[in-house]
Protein backbone atom coordinates (compact mmCIF):
# COMPACT_ATOMS: atom_id res chain seq x y z
CA MET A 1 143.44 47.99 135.09
CA ALA A 2 141.59 46.95 138.85
CA GLU A 3 140.97 43.57 137.35
CA ASN A 4 144.47 42.90 136.27
CA ASP A 5 145.78 44.04 140.06
CA ALA A 6 143.04 41.63 141.72
CA VAL A 7 144.59 38.97 139.23
CA LEU A 8 147.84 39.51 140.24
CA LEU A 9 146.79 39.80 143.74
CA LEU A 10 145.35 36.49 143.76
CA ARG A 11 148.00 34.98 142.06
CA ILE A 12 150.26 35.91 144.76
CA GLU A 13 148.24 35.31 147.53
CA GLU A 14 147.95 31.92 145.80
CA MET A 15 152.13 31.55 145.63
CA ILE A 16 152.46 32.47 148.96
CA LYS A 17 149.80 29.33 150.20
CA THR A 18 152.10 27.60 148.04
CA HIS A 19 154.82 28.45 149.65
CA THR A 20 154.35 27.95 152.69
CA SER A 21 152.80 25.05 152.39
CA GLN A 22 156.51 24.04 150.53
CA ILE A 23 158.07 25.69 153.52
CA ASP A 24 156.10 23.74 156.77
CA SER A 25 156.53 20.48 154.69
CA LEU A 26 160.20 20.86 154.42
CA GLY A 27 160.29 22.25 158.11
CA GLU A 28 158.74 18.42 159.49
CA GLU A 29 161.21 16.36 156.77
CA ILE A 30 164.15 18.30 158.17
CA ILE A 31 163.43 17.80 162.06
CA LYS A 32 162.39 14.03 161.20
CA LEU A 33 166.34 13.78 159.08
CA LYS A 34 167.51 15.59 162.01
CA ASP A 35 166.09 13.46 164.70
CA MET A 36 167.42 10.52 162.80
CA LEU A 37 170.53 11.64 162.34
CA ASN A 38 171.29 12.88 165.87
CA ASP A 39 169.97 9.48 166.67
CA ILE A 40 172.76 7.87 165.60
CA PHE A 41 175.42 9.75 166.98
CA VAL A 42 173.55 8.95 170.62
CA ASN A 43 173.73 5.24 169.82
CA ASP A 44 177.09 4.92 168.50
CA GLU A 45 179.43 3.65 171.48
CA THR A 46 182.93 4.76 170.10
CA PHE A 47 181.28 8.71 168.86
CA GLN A 48 179.95 8.99 172.94
CA VAL A 49 183.39 7.44 174.26
CA HIS A 50 185.13 10.25 171.81
CA ASP A 51 182.99 12.96 172.93
CA LYS A 52 183.07 12.05 176.55
CA THR A 53 187.35 12.79 176.25
CA ALA A 54 186.36 15.26 174.54
CA LYS A 55 184.40 17.08 176.96
CA GLU A 56 186.54 15.98 179.42
CA ALA A 57 190.00 17.66 177.83
CA ALA A 58 187.86 20.83 177.07
CA LYS A 59 187.51 21.25 180.99
CA ILE A 60 190.87 20.55 181.35
CA ARG A 61 192.19 22.87 178.95
CA SER A 62 189.80 25.65 180.10
CA ASN A 63 191.00 25.07 183.62
CA THR A 64 194.11 25.13 182.69
CA LYS A 65 193.34 28.87 180.55
CA LYS A 66 192.08 29.77 183.82
CA GLU A 67 195.00 29.69 186.11
CA ILE A 68 197.56 30.91 184.00
CA MET A 69 195.22 33.75 183.85
CA LYS A 70 195.25 34.31 187.25
CA ARG A 71 198.96 34.77 186.69
CA LEU A 72 199.75 39.32 187.44
CA ASP A 73 201.69 39.51 183.85
CA VAL A 74 199.07 37.71 181.58
CA ALA A 75 196.46 39.75 183.99
CA ASP A 76 197.96 42.96 182.53
CA LEU A 77 198.45 41.93 178.86
CA ALA A 78 194.81 40.85 178.82
CA ASN A 79 193.58 44.02 180.38
CA LYS A 80 195.87 46.08 178.47
CA LEU A 81 194.16 43.90 175.16
CA LYS A 82 191.02 44.85 176.85
CA SER A 83 191.38 49.02 176.88
CA LEU A 84 192.69 48.65 173.27
CA ARG A 85 189.94 46.88 172.07
CA SER A 86 187.44 49.60 173.78
CA GLU A 87 189.46 52.20 172.35
CA GLN A 88 189.41 50.61 168.64
CA LYS A 89 185.75 50.48 169.04
CA GLU A 90 184.91 53.91 170.01
CA LEU A 91 187.27 55.60 167.59
CA LYS A 92 185.29 53.00 165.20
CA VAL A 93 181.64 54.78 166.61
CA GLY A 94 183.22 58.15 165.99
CA LEU A 95 184.15 57.36 162.60
CA SER A 96 181.08 55.81 161.39
CA ASP A 97 179.41 59.23 163.07
CA TYR A 98 181.62 61.35 160.71
CA LEU A 99 181.23 59.55 157.94
CA ARG A 100 177.71 59.84 158.30
CA GLU A 101 177.18 63.53 158.76
CA TYR A 102 180.72 64.18 156.02
CA GLN A 103 177.83 62.28 154.01
CA ARG A 104 174.56 64.28 154.84
CA LEU A 105 176.65 67.51 154.24
CA SER A 106 178.11 66.98 151.00
CA GLY A 107 175.53 64.12 149.85
CA SER A 108 179.01 62.53 148.49
CA ASN A 109 179.55 59.07 149.23
CA GLU A 110 183.37 59.21 148.76
CA ILE A 111 186.15 61.48 149.79
CA GLU A 112 189.13 61.68 147.66
């Protein structure tokens, strides 16, 4: 029995080494291909123009959102939403604690 365990251990060790080697090799290939793909986008003039335009639009959108959030009615609504989310989170934590205790005491994972 011990001899079988030793043989099994050696086979597992060899599989580990093989898999590790394959993972490393694939990782190097992935990095190489990812760099090639990134270079294509960096060197494409049309993509660069569109990327710059998209970033500018995102900045304008973000600034507009900040300005709208400064309005009293919007800020009030955002605070109410934040409060409700916080309350919901607290209730979920409490429910989780109750369920864990119910399971411990009853030994059951179901409530009828």
